[in-house]
Amino acid sequence: QLQLVESGGDLVQSGGSLRLSCAASGFTFSEYAIGWFRQAPGKEREGVSCISSSGVRINYPDSVKGRFTISRDNAKNTVFLQMNSLKPEDTAVYYCVMFRSNHCGSELSTTRVGSWGQGTQVTVSS
């Protein structure tokens, strides 16, 4: 059974850092692009970052570029999202996703997602 299990969400002060993890199982992890979406209260889900099967990294919103870094460890079937210089507007539930292909594409669309994790809460206080 395909599973994506996120961890690492927490309450942190503005300017702080968090590292989210996503442990995957039930599929050939190394063959798929993996990414992160987030959803803040009252807002639509937003694509944050993606890493292709070959390790090409893409951060989509300008708001996270230079602050968030995605990485993957294929030996451990795990993807990480390192988040630095966190801001209150980063507060959201963060979801790990598996895409239906090995690449990230030109934009992060929920229609390209094959499976979602349950989400982990990140709260940044001002």
PDB file of N, CA and C in Angstrom:
ATOM      1  N   GLN A   1       0.840  -1.193   0.000  1.00  0.00           N
ATOM      2  CA  GLN A   1       0.000   0.000   0.000  1.00  0.00           C
ATOM      3  C   GLN A   1       0.875   1.243   0.000  1.00  0.00           C
ATOM      4  N   LEU A   2       0.582   2.145  -0.927  1.00  0.00           N
ATOM      5  CA  LEU A   2       1.372   3.374  -1.039  1.00  0.00           C
ATOM      6  C   LEU A   2       1.105   4.269   0.160  1.00  0.00           C
ATOM      7  N   GLN A   3       2.185   4.753   0.769  1.00  0.00           N
ATOM      8  CA  GLN A   3       2.054   5.651   1.910  1.00  0.00           C
ATOM      9  C   GLN A   3       3.092   6.757   1.846  1.00  0.00           C
ATOM     10  N   LEU A   4       2.669   7.934   2.254  1.00  0.00           N
ATOM     11  CA  LEU A   4       3.558   9.076   2.427  1.00  0.00           C
ATOM     12  C   LEU A   4       3.286   9.622   3.831  1.00  0.00           C
ATOM     13  N   VAL A   5       4.293   9.608   4.680  1.00  0.00           N
ATOM     14  CA  VAL A   5       4.097  10.008   6.073  1.00  0.00           C
ATOM     15  C   VAL A   5       5.030  11.171   6.396  1.00  0.00           C
ATOM     16  N   GLU A   6       4.406  12.329   6.633  1.00  0.00           N
ATOM     17  CA  GLU A   6       5.187  13.518   6.954  1.00  0.00           C
ATOM     18  C   GLU A   6       5.463  13.613   8.453  1.00  0.00           C
ATOM     19  N   SER A   7       6.545  14.288   8.776  1.00  0.00           N
ATOM     20  CA  SER A   7       6.873  14.586  10.164  1.00  0.00           C
ATOM     21  C   SER A   7       7.737  15.839  10.195  1.00  0.00           C
ATOM     22  N   GLY A   8       7.877  16.406  11.393  1.00  0.00           N
ATOM     23  CA  GLY A   8       8.759  17.556  11.561  1.00  0.00           C
ATOM     24  C   GLY A   8       8.049  18.878  11.737  1.00  0.00           C
ATOM     25  N   GLY A   9       6.732  18.910  11.528  1.00  0.00           N
ATOM     26  CA  GLY A   9       6.013  20.160  11.737  1.00  0.00           C
ATOM     27  C   GLY A   9       6.024  20.562  13.203  1.00  0.00           C
ATOM     28  N   ASP A  10       5.997  21.870  13.443  1.00  0.00           N
ATOM     29  CA  ASP A  10       6.105  22.341  14.822  1.00  0.00           C
ATOM     30  C   ASP A  10       5.727  23.811  14.889  1.00  0.00           C
ATOM     31  N   LEU A  11       5.719  24.338  16.097  1.00  0.00           N
ATOM     32  CA  LEU A  11       5.562  25.774  16.335  1.00  0.00           C
ATOM     33  C   LEU A  11       6.951  26.371  16.463  1.00  0.00           C
ATOM     34  N   VAL A  12       7.220  27.398  15.678  1.00  0.00           N
ATOM     35  CA  VAL A  12       8.546  28.006  15.675  1.00  0.00           C
ATOM     36  C   VAL A  12       8.400  29.517  15.578  1.00  0.00           C
ATOM     37  N   GLN A  13       9.372  30.236  16.104  1.00  0.00           N
ATOM     38  CA  GLN A  13       9.337  31.688  16.031  1.00  0.00           C
ATOM     39  C   GLN A  13       9.777  32.178  14.656  1.00  0.00           C
ATOM     40  N   SER A  14       9.318  33.350  14.299  1.00  0.00           N
ATOM     41  CA  SER A  14       9.724  33.964  13.039  1.00  0.00           C
ATOM     42  C   SER A  14      11.252  34.042  12.960  1.00  0.00           C
ATOM     43  N   GLY A  15      11.791  33.676  11.817  1.00  0.00           N
ATOM     44  CA  GLY A  15      13.231  33.644  11.643  1.00  0.00           C
ATOM     45  C   GLY A  15      13.854  32.294  11.927  1.00  0.00           C
ATOM     46  N   GLY A  16      13.083  31.390  12.483  1.00  0.00           N
ATOM     47  CA  GLY A  16      13.585  30.072  12.823  1.00  0.00           C
ATOM     48  C   GLY A  16      13.598  29.119  11.642  1.00  0.00           C
ATOM     49  N   SER A  17      13.969  27.873  11.920  1.00  0.00           N
ATOM     50  CA  SER A  17      14.094  26.850  10.881  1.00  0.00           C
ATOM     51  C   SER A  17      13.378  25.577  11.298  1.00  0.00           C
ATOM     52  N   LEU A  18      12.932  24.846  10.303  1.00  0.00           N
ATOM     53  CA  LEU A  18      12.361  23.526  10.505  1.00  0.00           C
ATOM     54  C   LEU A  18      12.789  22.635   9.346  1.00  0.00           C
ATOM     55  N   ARG A  19      12.859  21.349   9.627  1.00  0.00           N
ATOM     56  CA  ARG A  19      13.135  20.370   8.586  1.00  0.00           C
ATOM     57  C   ARG A  19      11.999  19.353   8.569  1.00  0.00           C
ATOM     58  N   LEU A  20      11.246  19.347   7.487  1.00  0.00           N
ATOM     59  CA  LEU A  20      10.178  18.378   7.328  1.00  0.00           C
ATOM     60  C   LEU A  20      10.724  17.130   6.642  1.00  0.00           C
ATOM     61  N   SER A  21      10.180  15.991   7.030  1.00  0.00           N
ATOM     62  CA  SER A  21      10.541  14.724   6.406  1.00  0.00           C
ATOM     63  C   SER A  21       9.297  14.052   5.864  1.00  0.00           C
ATOM     64  N   CYS A  22       9.488  13.278   4.821  1.00  0.00           N
ATOM     65  CA  CYS A  22       8.403  12.499   4.231  1.00  0.00           C
ATOM     66  C   CYS A  22       8.938  11.104   3.956  1.00  0.00           C
ATOM     67  N   ALA A  23       8.439  10.131   4.694  1.00  0.00           N
ATOM     68  CA  ALA A  23       8.840   8.741   4.512  1.00  0.00           C
ATOM     69  C   ALA A  23       7.852   8.055   3.582  1.00  0.00           C
ATOM     70  N   ALA A  24       8.373   7.487   2.496  1.00  0.00           N
ATOM     71  CA  ALA A  24       7.524   6.884   1.481  1.00  0.00           C
ATOM     72  C   ALA A  24       7.653   5.366   1.490  1.00  0.00           C
ATOM     73  N   SER A  25       6.579   4.703   1.127  1.00  0.00           N
ATOM     74  CA  SER A  25       6.600   3.253   1.022  1.00  0.00           C
ATOM     75  C   SER A  25       5.513   2.807   0.056  1.00  0.00           C
ATOM     76  N   GLY A  26       5.654   1.577  -0.441  1.00  0.00           N
ATOM     77  CA  GLY A  26       4.615   1.010  -1.285  1.00  0.00           C
ATOM     78  C   GLY A  26       4.764   1.281  -2.771  1.00  0.00           C
ATOM     79  N   PHE A  27       5.844   1.933  -3.176  1.00  0.00           N
ATOM     80  CA  PHE A  27       6.097   2.162  -4.601  1.00  0.00           C
ATOM     81  C   PHE A  27       7.601   2.317  -4.799  1.00  0.00           C
ATOM     82  N   THR A  28       8.018   2.336  -6.050  1.00  0.00           N
ATOM     83  CA  THR A  28       9.444   2.471  -6.361  1.00  0.00           C
ATOM     84  C   THR A  28       9.817   3.941  -6.271  1.00  0.00           C
ATOM     85  N   PHE A  29      10.218   4.329  -5.092  1.00  0.00           N
ATOM     86  CA  PHE A  29      10.433   5.734  -4.743  1.00  0.00           C
ATOM     87  C   PHE A  29      11.361   6.447  -5.724  1.00  0.00           C
ATOM     88  N   SER A  30      12.432   5.810  -6.116  1.00  0.00           N
ATOM     89  CA  SER A  30      13.462   6.466  -6.928  1.00  0.00           C
ATOM     90  C   SER A  30      12.987   6.804  -8.330  1.00  0.00           C
ATOM     91  N   GLU A  31      11.829   6.303  -8.737  1.00  0.00           N
ATOM     92  CA  GLU A  31      11.350   6.519 -10.099  1.00  0.00           C
ATOM     93  C   GLU A  31      10.359   7.671 -10.223  1.00  0.00           C
ATOM     94  N   TYR A  32      10.046   8.328  -9.110  1.00  0.00           N
ATOM     95  CA  TYR A  32       9.011   9.350  -9.135  1.00  0.00           C
ATOM     96  C   TYR A  32       9.500  10.691  -8.589  1.00  0.00           C
ATOM     97  N   ALA A  33       8.944  11.749  -9.175  1.00  0.00           N
ATOM     98  CA  ALA A  33       9.133  13.075  -8.607  1.00  0.00           C
ATOM     99  C   ALA A  33       8.289  13.182  -7.335  1.00  0.00           C
ATOM    100  N   ILE A  34       8.839  13.834  -6.342  1.00  0.00           N
ATOM    101  CA  ILE A  34       8.180  14.027  -5.046  1.00  0.00           C
ATOM    102  C   ILE A  34       8.156  15.521  -4.751  1.00  0.00           C
ATOM    103  N   GLY A  35       7.100  15.975  -4.122  1.00  0.00           N
ATOM    104  CA  GLY A  35       7.018  17.406  -3.853  1.00  0.00           C
ATOM    105  C   GLY A  35       6.292  17.741  -2.572  1.00  0.00           C
ATOM    106  N   TRP A  36       6.179  19.023  -2.334  1.00  0.00           N
ATOM    107  CA  TRP A  36       5.472  19.535  -1.160  1.00  0.00           C
ATOM    108  C   TRP A  36       4.468  20.599  -1.598  1.00  0.00           C
ATOM    109  N   PHE A  37       3.276  20.479  -1.043  1.00  0.00           N
ATOM    110  CA  PHE A  37       2.256  21.517  -1.148  1.00  0.00           C
ATOM    111  C   PHE A  37       1.995  22.038   0.261  1.00  0.00           C
ATOM    112  N   ARG A  38       1.361  23.173   0.346  1.00  0.00           N
ATOM    113  CA  ARG A  38       0.932  23.673   1.638  1.00  0.00           C
ATOM    114  C   ARG A  38      -0.431  24.330   1.512  1.00  0.00           C
ATOM    115  N   GLN A  39      -1.147  24.341   2.625  1.00  0.00           N
ATOM    116  CA  GLN A  39      -2.455  24.981   2.647  1.00  0.00           C
ATOM    117  C   GLN A  39      -2.610  25.764   3.941  1.00  0.00           C
ATOM    118  N   ALA A  40      -2.737  27.061   3.797  1.00  0.00           N
ATOM    119  CA  ALA A  40      -2.963  27.932   4.938  1.00  0.00           C
ATOM    120  C   ALA A  40      -4.468  28.057   5.178  1.00  0.00           C
ATOM    121  N   PRO A  41      -4.868  28.402   6.388  1.00  0.00           N
ATOM    122  CA  PRO A  41      -6.299  28.547   6.689  1.00  0.00           C
ATOM    123  C   PRO A  41      -6.983  29.519   5.738  1.00  0.00           C
ATOM    124  N   GLY A  42      -8.076  29.083   5.131  1.00  0.00           N
ATOM    125  CA  GLY A  42      -8.844  29.937   4.236  1.00  0.00           C
ATOM    126  C   GLY A  42      -8.243  30.132   2.860  1.00  0.00           C
ATOM    127  N   LYS A  43      -7.167  29.410   2.567  1.00  0.00           N
ATOM    128  CA  LYS A  43      -6.517  29.576   1.265  1.00  0.00           C
ATOM    129  C   LYS A  43      -6.470  28.256   0.513  1.00  0.00           C
ATOM    130  N   GLU A  44      -6.242  28.340  -0.785  1.00  0.00           N
ATOM    131  CA  GLU A  44      -6.114  27.136  -1.591  1.00  0.00           C
ATOM    132  C   GLU A  44      -4.739  26.506  -1.385  1.00  0.00           C
ATOM    133  N   ARG A  45      -4.671  25.222  -1.726  1.00  0.00           N
ATOM    134  CA  ARG A  45      -3.370  24.558  -1.640  1.00  0.00           C
ATOM    135  C   ARG A  45      -2.410  25.168  -2.648  1.00  0.00           C
ATOM    136  N   GLU A  46      -1.168  25.301  -2.212  1.00  0.00           N
ATOM    137  CA  GLU A  46      -0.143  25.953  -3.021  1.00  0.00           C
ATOM    138  C   GLU A  46       1.057  25.013  -3.172  1.00  0.00           C
ATOM    139  N   GLY A  47       1.503  24.816  -4.392  1.00  0.00           N
ATOM    140  CA  GLY A  47       2.704  24.032  -4.613  1.00  0.00           C
ATOM    141  C   GLY A  47       3.919  24.785  -4.109  1.00  0.00           C
ATOM    142  N   VAL A  48       4.769  24.099  -3.373  1.00  0.00           N
ATOM    143  CA  VAL A  48       5.934  24.743  -2.760  1.00  0.00           C
ATOM    144  C   VAL A  48       7.226  24.331  -3.439  1.00  0.00           C
ATOM    145  N   SER A  49       7.416  23.043  -3.577  1.00  0.00           N
ATOM    146  CA  SER A  49       8.710  22.580  -4.076  1.00  0.00           C
ATOM    147  C   SER A  49       8.561  21.177  -4.647  1.00  0.00           C
ATOM    148  N   CYS A  50       9.497  20.827  -5.513  1.00  0.00           N
ATOM    149  CA  CYS A  50       9.485  19.506  -6.139  1.00  0.00           C
ATOM    150  C   CYS A  50      10.912  19.079  -6.425  1.00  0.00           C
ATOM    151  N   ILE A  51      11.141  17.773  -6.356  1.00  0.00           N
ATOM    152  CA  ILE A  51      12.424  17.224  -6.745  1.00  0.00           C
ATOM    153  C   ILE A  51      12.159  16.033  -7.654  1.00  0.00           C
ATOM    154  N   SER A  52      12.813  16.040  -8.806  1.00  0.00           N
ATOM    155  CA  SER A  52      12.584  14.975  -9.775  1.00  0.00           C
ATOM    156  C   SER A  52      13.287  13.698  -9.340  1.00  0.00           C
ATOM    157  N   SER A  53      13.032  12.627 -10.073  1.00  0.00           N
ATOM    158  CA  SER A  53      13.676  11.353  -9.744  1.00  0.00           C
ATOM    159  C   SER A  53      15.187  11.452  -9.883  1.00  0.00           C
ATOM    160  N   SER A  54      15.656  12.336 -10.742  1.00  0.00           N
ATOM    161  CA  SER A  54      17.104  12.492 -10.956  1.00  0.00           C
ATOM    162  C   SER A  54      17.714  13.555 -10.052  1.00  0.00           C
ATOM    163  N   GLY A  55      16.874  14.172  -9.204  1.00  0.00           N
ATOM    164  CA  GLY A  55      17.411  15.112  -8.227  1.00  0.00           C
ATOM    165  C   GLY A  55      17.360  16.575  -8.635  1.00  0.00           C
ATOM    166  N   VAL A  56      16.672  16.891  -9.728  1.00  0.00           N
ATOM    167  CA  VAL A  56      16.514  18.296 -10.111  1.00  0.00           C
ATOM    168  C   VAL A  56      15.501  18.935  -9.161  1.00  0.00           C
ATOM    169  N   ARG A  57      15.918  20.052  -8.546  1.00  0.00           N
ATOM    170  CA  ARG A  57      15.085  20.706  -7.530  1.00  0.00           C
ATOM    171  C   ARG A  57      14.415  21.949  -8.095  1.00  0.00           C
ATOM    172  N   ILE A  58      13.184  22.108  -7.745  1.00  0.00           N
ATOM    173  CA  ILE A  58      12.469  23.304  -8.164  1.00  0.00           C
ATOM    174  C   ILE A  58      11.671  23.848  -6.989  1.00  0.00           C
ATOM    175  N   ASN A  59      11.841  25.110  -6.709  1.00  0.00           N
ATOM    176  CA  ASN A  59      10.978  25.820  -5.762  1.00  0.00           C
ATOM    177  C   ASN A  59      10.097  26.760  -6.576  1.00  0.00           C
ATOM    178  N   TYR A  60       8.816  26.693  -6.380  1.00  0.00           N
ATOM    179  CA  TYR A  60       7.919  27.410  -7.256  1.00  0.00           C
ATOM    180  C   TYR A  60       7.564  28.822  -6.820  1.00  0.00           C
ATOM    181  N   PRO A  61       7.016  29.043  -5.641  1.00  0.00           N
ATOM    182  CA  PRO A  61       6.647  30.413  -5.296  1.00  0.00           C
ATOM    183  C   PRO A  61       7.884  31.261  -5.016  1.00  0.00           C
ATOM    184  N   ASP A  62       7.868  32.477  -5.476  1.00  0.00           N
ATOM    185  CA  ASP A  62       8.967  33.396  -5.173  1.00  0.00           C
ATOM    186  C   ASP A  62       9.117  33.572  -3.666  1.00  0.00           C
ATOM    187  N   SER A  63       8.035  33.387  -2.954  1.00  0.00           N
ATOM    188  CA  SER A  63       8.049  33.621  -1.513  1.00  0.00           C
ATOM    189  C   SER A  63       8.943  32.634  -0.752  1.00  0.00           C
ATOM    190  N   VAL A  64       9.256  31.490  -1.354  1.00  0.00           N
ATOM    191  CA  VAL A  64      10.084  30.511  -0.633  1.00  0.00           C
ATOM    192  C   VAL A  64      11.472  30.356  -1.236  1.00  0.00           C
ATOM    193  N   LYS A  65      11.690  30.948  -2.409  1.00  0.00           N
ATOM    194  CA  LYS A  65      12.997  30.809  -3.047  1.00  0.00           C
ATOM    195  C   LYS A  65      14.079  31.426  -2.173  1.00  0.00           C
ATOM    196  N   GLY A  66      15.169  30.697  -2.042  1.00  0.00           N
ATOM    197  CA  GLY A  66      16.268  31.153  -1.218  1.00  0.00           C
ATOM    198  C   GLY A  66      16.128  30.793   0.254  1.00  0.00           C
ATOM    199  N   ARG A  67      14.948  30.314   0.633  1.00  0.00           N
ATOM    200  CA  ARG A  67      14.711  29.952   2.043  1.00  0.00           C
ATOM    201  C   ARG A  67      14.427  28.461   2.217  1.00  0.00           C
ATOM    202  N   PHE A  68      13.757  27.845   1.248  1.00  0.00           N
ATOM    203  CA  PHE A  68      13.389  26.429   1.336  1.00  0.00           C
ATOM    204  C   PHE A  68      14.275  25.615   0.383  1.00  0.00           C
ATOM    205  N   THR A  69      14.674  24.435   0.839  1.00  0.00           N
ATOM    206  CA  THR A  69      15.462  23.528   0.015  1.00  0.00           C
ATOM    207  C   THR A  69      14.899  22.122   0.136  1.00  0.00           C
ATOM    208  N   ILE A  70      14.603  21.535  -0.998  1.00  0.00           N
ATOM    209  CA  ILE A  70      14.107  20.161  -1.019  1.00  0.00           C
ATOM    210  C   ILE A  70      15.264  19.227  -1.352  1.00  0.00           C
ATOM    211  N   SER A  71      15.240  18.035  -0.762  1.00  0.00           N
ATOM    212  CA  SER A  71      16.260  17.032  -1.055  1.00  0.00           C
ATOM    213  C   SER A  71      15.639  15.651  -0.888  1.00  0.00           C
ATOM    214  N   ARG A  72      16.331  14.648  -1.407  1.00  0.00           N
ATOM    215  CA  ARG A  72      15.817  13.293  -1.286  1.00  0.00           C
ATOM    216  C   ARG A  72      16.948  12.322  -1.016  1.00  0.00           C
ATOM    217  N   ASP A  73      16.603  11.254  -0.307  1.00  0.00           N
ATOM    218  CA  ASP A  73      17.539  10.166  -0.032  1.00  0.00           C
ATOM    219  C   ASP A  73      16.870   8.896  -0.543  1.00  0.00           C
ATOM    220  N   ASN A  74      17.231   8.493  -1.738  1.00  0.00           N
ATOM    221  CA  ASN A  74      16.570   7.329  -2.347  1.00  0.00           C
ATOM    222  C   ASN A  74      16.858   6.035  -1.593  1.00  0.00           C
ATOM    223  N   ALA A  75      17.994   5.967  -0.916  1.00  0.00           N
ATOM    224  CA  ALA A  75      18.326   4.768  -0.149  1.00  0.00           C
ATOM    225  C   ALA A  75      17.378   4.599   1.038  1.00  0.00           C
ATOM    226  N   LYS A  76      16.853   5.732   1.527  1.00  0.00           N
ATOM    227  CA  LYS A  76      15.959   5.694   2.688  1.00  0.00           C
ATOM    228  C   LYS A  76      14.515   6.010   2.328  1.00  0.00           C
ATOM    229  N   ASN A  77      14.238   6.157   1.032  1.00  0.00           N
ATOM    230  CA  ASN A  77      12.870   6.479   0.568  1.00  0.00           C
ATOM    231  C   ASN A  77      12.290   7.678   1.307  1.00  0.00           C
ATOM    232  N   THR A  78      13.085   8.706   1.427  1.00  0.00           N
ATOM    233  CA  THR A  78      12.688   9.871   2.213  1.00  0.00           C
ATOM    234  C   THR A  78      12.985  11.160   1.458  1.00  0.00           C
ATOM    235  N   VAL A  79      12.077  12.115   1.581  1.00  0.00           N
ATOM    236  CA  VAL A  79      12.266  13.455   1.050  1.00  0.00           C
ATOM    237  C   VAL A  79      12.252  14.440   2.204  1.00  0.00           C
ATOM    238  N   PHE A  80      13.061  15.466   2.089  1.00  0.00           N
ATOM    239  CA  PHE A  80      13.169  16.475   3.140  1.00  0.00           C
ATOM    240  C   PHE A  80      12.834  17.852   2.572  1.00  0.00           C
ATOM    241  N   LEU A  81      12.311  18.703   3.417  1.00  0.00           N
ATOM    242  CA  LEU A  81      12.132  20.110   3.075  1.00  0.00           C
ATOM    243  C   LEU A  81      12.753  20.932   4.191  1.00  0.00           C
ATOM    244  N   GLN A  82      13.909  21.503   3.915  1.00  0.00           N
ATOM    245  CA  GLN A  82      14.573  22.373   4.883  1.00  0.00           C
ATOM    246  C   GLN A  82      14.024  23.773   4.709  1.00  0.00           C
ATOM    247  N   MET A  83      13.481  24.321   5.783  1.00  0.00           N
ATOM    248  CA  MET A  83      12.852  25.637   5.733  1.00  0.00           C
ATOM    249  C   MET A  83      13.587  26.568   6.689  1.00  0.00           C
ATOM    250  N   ASN A  84      14.188  27.600   6.147  1.00  0.00           N
ATOM    251  CA  ASN A  84      14.941  28.573   6.939  1.00  0.00           C
ATOM    252  C   ASN A  84      14.266  29.935   6.870  1.00  0.00           C
ATOM    253  N   SER A  85      14.648  30.790   7.779  1.00  0.00           N
ATOM    254  CA  SER A  85      14.114  32.157   7.825  1.00  0.00           C
ATOM    255  C   SER A  85      12.593  32.160   7.725  1.00  0.00           C
ATOM    256  N   LEU A  86      11.974  31.339   8.536  1.00  0.00           N
ATOM    257  CA  LEU A  86      10.523  31.178   8.453  1.00  0.00           C
ATOM    258  C   LEU A  86       9.798  32.456   8.824  1.00  0.00           C
ATOM    259  N   LYS A  87       8.658  32.659   8.157  1.00  0.00           N
ATOM    260  CA  LYS A  87       7.835  33.848   8.354  1.00  0.00           C
ATOM    261  C   LYS A  87       6.429  33.411   8.781  1.00  0.00           C
ATOM    262  N   PRO A  88       5.698  34.278   9.435  1.00  0.00           N
ATOM    263  CA  PRO A  88       4.322  33.919   9.823  1.00  0.00           C
ATOM    264  C   PRO A  88       3.469  33.477   8.632  1.00  0.00           C
ATOM    265  N   GLU A  89       3.729  34.027   7.465  1.00  0.00           N
ATOM    266  CA  GLU A  89       2.955  33.637   6.282  1.00  0.00           C
ATOM    267  C   GLU A  89       3.292  32.242   5.773  1.00  0.00           C
ATOM    268  N   ASP A  90       4.296  31.609   6.353  1.00  0.00           N
ATOM    269  CA  ASP A  90       4.599  30.208   6.027  1.00  0.00           C
ATOM    270  C   ASP A  90       3.719  29.246   6.826  1.00  0.00           C
ATOM    271  N   THR A  91       2.956  29.775   7.762  1.00  0.00           N
ATOM    272  CA  THR A  91       2.070  28.944   8.559  1.00  0.00           C
ATOM    273  C   THR A  91       1.059  28.225   7.674  1.00  0.00           C
ATOM    274  N   ALA A  92       1.040  26.904   7.767  1.00  0.00           N
ATOM    275  CA  ALA A  92       0.169  26.096   6.916  1.00  0.00           C
ATOM    276  C   ALA A  92       0.325  24.628   7.290  1.00  0.00           C
ATOM    277  N   VAL A  93      -0.569  23.817   6.741  1.00  0.00           N
ATOM    278  CA  VAL A  93      -0.362  22.377   6.760  1.00  0.00           C
ATOM    279  C   VAL A  93       0.445  22.038   5.512  1.00  0.00           C
ATOM    280  N   TYR A  94       1.534  21.313   5.707  1.00  0.00           N
ATOM    281  CA  TYR A  94       2.421  20.951   4.607  1.00  0.00           C
ATOM    282  C   TYR A  94       2.186  19.485   4.242  1.00  0.00           C
ATOM    283  N   TYR A  95       1.965  19.247   2.944  1.00  0.00           N
ATOM    284  CA  TYR A  95       1.658  17.915   2.443  1.00  0.00           C
ATOM    285  C   TYR A  95       2.768  17.424   1.521  1.00  0.00           C
ATOM    286  N   CYS A  96       3.170  16.201   1.738  1.00  0.00           N
ATOM    287  CA  CYS A  96       4.092  15.530   0.835  1.00  0.00           C
ATOM    288  C   CYS A  96       3.270  14.849  -0.254  1.00  0.00           C
ATOM    289  N   VAL A  97       3.753  14.930  -1.489  1.00  0.00           N
ATOM    290  CA  VAL A  97       3.015  14.317  -2.590  1.00  0.00           C
ATOM    291  C   VAL A  97       3.954  13.520  -3.488  1.00  0.00           C
ATOM    292  N   MET A  98       3.378  12.513  -4.112  1.00  0.00           N
ATOM    293  CA  MET A  98       4.056  11.760  -5.153  1.00  0.00           C
ATOM    294  C   MET A  98       3.398  12.147  -6.474  1.00  0.00           C
ATOM    295  N   PHE A  99       4.205  12.556  -7.437  1.00  0.00           N
ATOM    296  CA  PHE A  99       3.663  12.886  -8.747  1.00  0.00           C
ATOM    297  C   PHE A  99       3.580  11.626  -9.602  1.00  0.00           C
ATOM    298  N   ARG A 100       2.795  11.715 -10.658  1.00  0.00           N
ATOM    299  CA  ARG A 100       2.586  10.557 -11.525  1.00  0.00           C
ATOM    300  C   ARG A 100       3.701  10.390 -12.551  1.00  0.00           C
ATOM    301  N   SER A 101       4.746  11.186 -12.455  1.00  0.00           N
ATOM    302  CA  SER A 101       5.853  11.096 -13.405  1.00  0.00           C
ATOM    303  C   SER A 101       7.177  11.247 -12.672  1.00  0.00           C
ATOM    304  N   ASN A 102       8.255  11.148 -13.426  1.00  0.00           N
ATOM    305  CA  ASN A 102       9.581  11.264 -12.818  1.00  0.00           C
ATOM    306  C   ASN A 102      10.112  12.694 -12.827  1.00  0.00           C
ATOM    307  N   HIS A 103       9.358  13.628 -13.410  1.00  0.00           N
ATOM    308  CA  HIS A 103       9.829  15.005 -13.471  1.00  0.00           C
ATOM    309  C   HIS A 103       8.789  15.937 -12.845  1.00  0.00           C
ATOM    310  N   CYS A 104       9.228  17.155 -12.594  1.00  0.00           N
ATOM    311  CA  CYS A 104       8.385  18.092 -11.861  1.00  0.00           C
ATOM    312  C   CYS A 104       7.453  18.898 -12.758  1.00  0.00           C
ATOM    313  N   GLY A 105       7.811  19.057 -14.014  1.00  0.00           N
ATOM    314  CA  GLY A 105       6.976  19.859 -14.886  1.00  0.00           C
ATOM    315  C   GLY A 105       7.178  21.345 -14.673  1.00  0.00           C
ATOM    316  N   SER A 106       6.512  22.123 -15.506  1.00  0.00           N
ATOM    317  CA  SER A 106       6.692  23.570 -15.480  1.00  0.00           C
ATOM    318  C   SER A 106       5.930  24.237 -14.348  1.00  0.00           C
ATOM    319  N   GLU A 107       4.946  23.572 -13.818  1.00  0.00           N
ATOM    320  CA  GLU A 107       4.214  24.121 -12.688  1.00  0.00           C
ATOM    321  C   GLU A 107       3.690  22.989 -11.825  1.00  0.00           C
ATOM    322  N   LEU A 108       3.498  23.279 -10.551  1.00  0.00           N
ATOM    323  CA  LEU A 108       2.996  22.283  -9.609  1.00  0.00           C
ATOM    324  C   LEU A 108       1.478  22.312  -9.612  1.00  0.00           C
ATOM    325  N   SER A 109       0.885  21.317 -10.227  1.00  0.00           N
ATOM    326  CA  SER A 109      -0.565  21.242 -10.279  1.00  0.00           C
ATOM    327  C   SER A 109      -1.049  20.031  -9.502  1.00  0.00           C
ATOM    328  N   THR A 110      -2.128  20.225  -8.768  1.00  0.00           N
ATOM    329  CA  THR A 110      -2.679  19.107  -8.010  1.00  0.00           C
ATOM    330  C   THR A 110      -3.170  17.998  -8.940  1.00  0.00           C
ATOM    331  N   THR A 111      -3.452  18.329 -10.199  1.00  0.00           N
ATOM    332  CA  THR A 111      -3.937  17.308 -11.138  1.00  0.00           C
ATOM    333  C   THR A 111      -2.845  16.309 -11.493  1.00  0.00           C
ATOM    334  N   ARG A 112      -1.598  16.667 -11.237  1.00  0.00           N
ATOM    335  CA  ARG A 112      -0.474  15.774 -11.546  1.00  0.00           C
ATOM    336  C   ARG A 112      -0.064  14.912 -10.358  1.00  0.00           C
ATOM    337  N   VAL A 113      -0.764  15.096  -9.247  1.00  0.00           N
ATOM    338  CA  VAL A 113      -0.416  14.366  -8.030  1.00  0.00           C
ATOM    339  C   VAL A 113      -1.057  12.989  -8.028  1.00  0.00           C
ATOM    340  N   GLY A 114      -0.226  11.981  -7.710  1.00  0.00           N
ATOM    341  CA  GLY A 114      -0.735  10.626  -7.644  1.00  0.00           C
ATOM    342  C   GLY A 114      -1.171  10.223  -6.245  1.00  0.00           C
ATOM    343  N   SER A 115      -0.513  10.800  -5.246  1.00  0.00           N
ATOM    344  CA  SER A 115      -0.856  10.437  -3.864  1.00  0.00           C
ATOM    345  C   SER A 115      -0.437  11.550  -2.929  1.00  0.00           C
ATOM    346  N   TRP A 116      -1.210  11.709  -1.835  1.00  0.00           N
ATOM    347  CA  TRP A 116      -0.959  12.736  -0.835  1.00  0.00           C
ATOM    348  C   TRP A 116      -0.658  12.097   0.521  1.00  0.00           C
ATOM    349  N   GLY A 117       0.191  12.771   1.278  1.00  0.00           N
ATOM    350  CA  GLY A 117       0.344  12.406   2.671  1.00  0.00           C
ATOM    351  C   GLY A 117      -0.756  13.044   3.495  1.00  0.00           C
ATOM    352  N   GLN A 118      -0.716  12.793   4.797  1.00  0.00           N
ATOM    353  CA  GLN A 118      -1.778  13.296   5.670  1.00  0.00           C
ATOM    354  C   GLN A 118      -1.538  14.733   6.117  1.00  0.00           C
ATOM    355  N   GLY A 119      -0.328  15.228   5.939  1.00  0.00           N
ATOM    356  CA  GLY A 119      -0.001  16.605   6.283  1.00  0.00           C
ATOM    357  C   GLY A 119       0.624  16.758   7.653  1.00  0.00           C
ATOM    358  N   THR A 120       1.427  17.803   7.792  1.00  0.00           N
ATOM    359  CA  THR A 120       2.036  18.146   9.077  1.00  0.00           C
ATOM    360  C   THR A 120       1.910  19.660   9.254  1.00  0.00           C
ATOM    361  N   GLN A 121       1.558  20.069  10.468  1.00  0.00           N
ATOM    362  CA  GLN A 121       1.288  21.480  10.736  1.00  0.00           C
ATOM    363  C   GLN A 121       2.573  22.243  11.041  1.00  0.00           C
ATOM    364  N   VAL A 122       2.744  23.342  10.337  1.00  0.00           N
ATOM    365  CA  VAL A 122       3.837  24.274  10.619  1.00  0.00           C
ATOM    366  C   VAL A 122       3.211  25.598  11.036  1.00  0.00           C
ATOM    367  N   THR A 123       3.577  26.066  12.207  1.00  0.00           N
ATOM    368  CA  THR A 123       3.067  27.333  12.701  1.00  0.00           C
ATOM    369  C   THR A 123       4.237  28.235  13.048  1.00  0.00           C
ATOM    370  N   VAL A 124       4.246  29.420  12.456  1.00  0.00           N
ATOM    371  CA  VAL A 124       5.321  30.379  12.693  1.00  0.00           C
ATOM    372  C   VAL A 124       4.730  31.582  13.416  1.00  0.00           C
ATOM    373  N   SER A 125       5.221  31.824  14.605  1.00  0.00           N
ATOM    374  CA  SER A 125       4.726  32.943  15.411  1.00  0.00           C
ATOM    375  C   SER A 125       5.560  34.195  15.147  1.00  0.00           C
ATOM    376  N   SER A 126       4.917  35.336  15.235  1.00  0.00           N
ATOM    377  CA  SER A 126       5.621  36.601  14.967  1.00  0.00           C
ATOM    378  C   SER A 126       6.258  37.151  16.226  1.00  0.00           C
TER     379      SER A 126
END
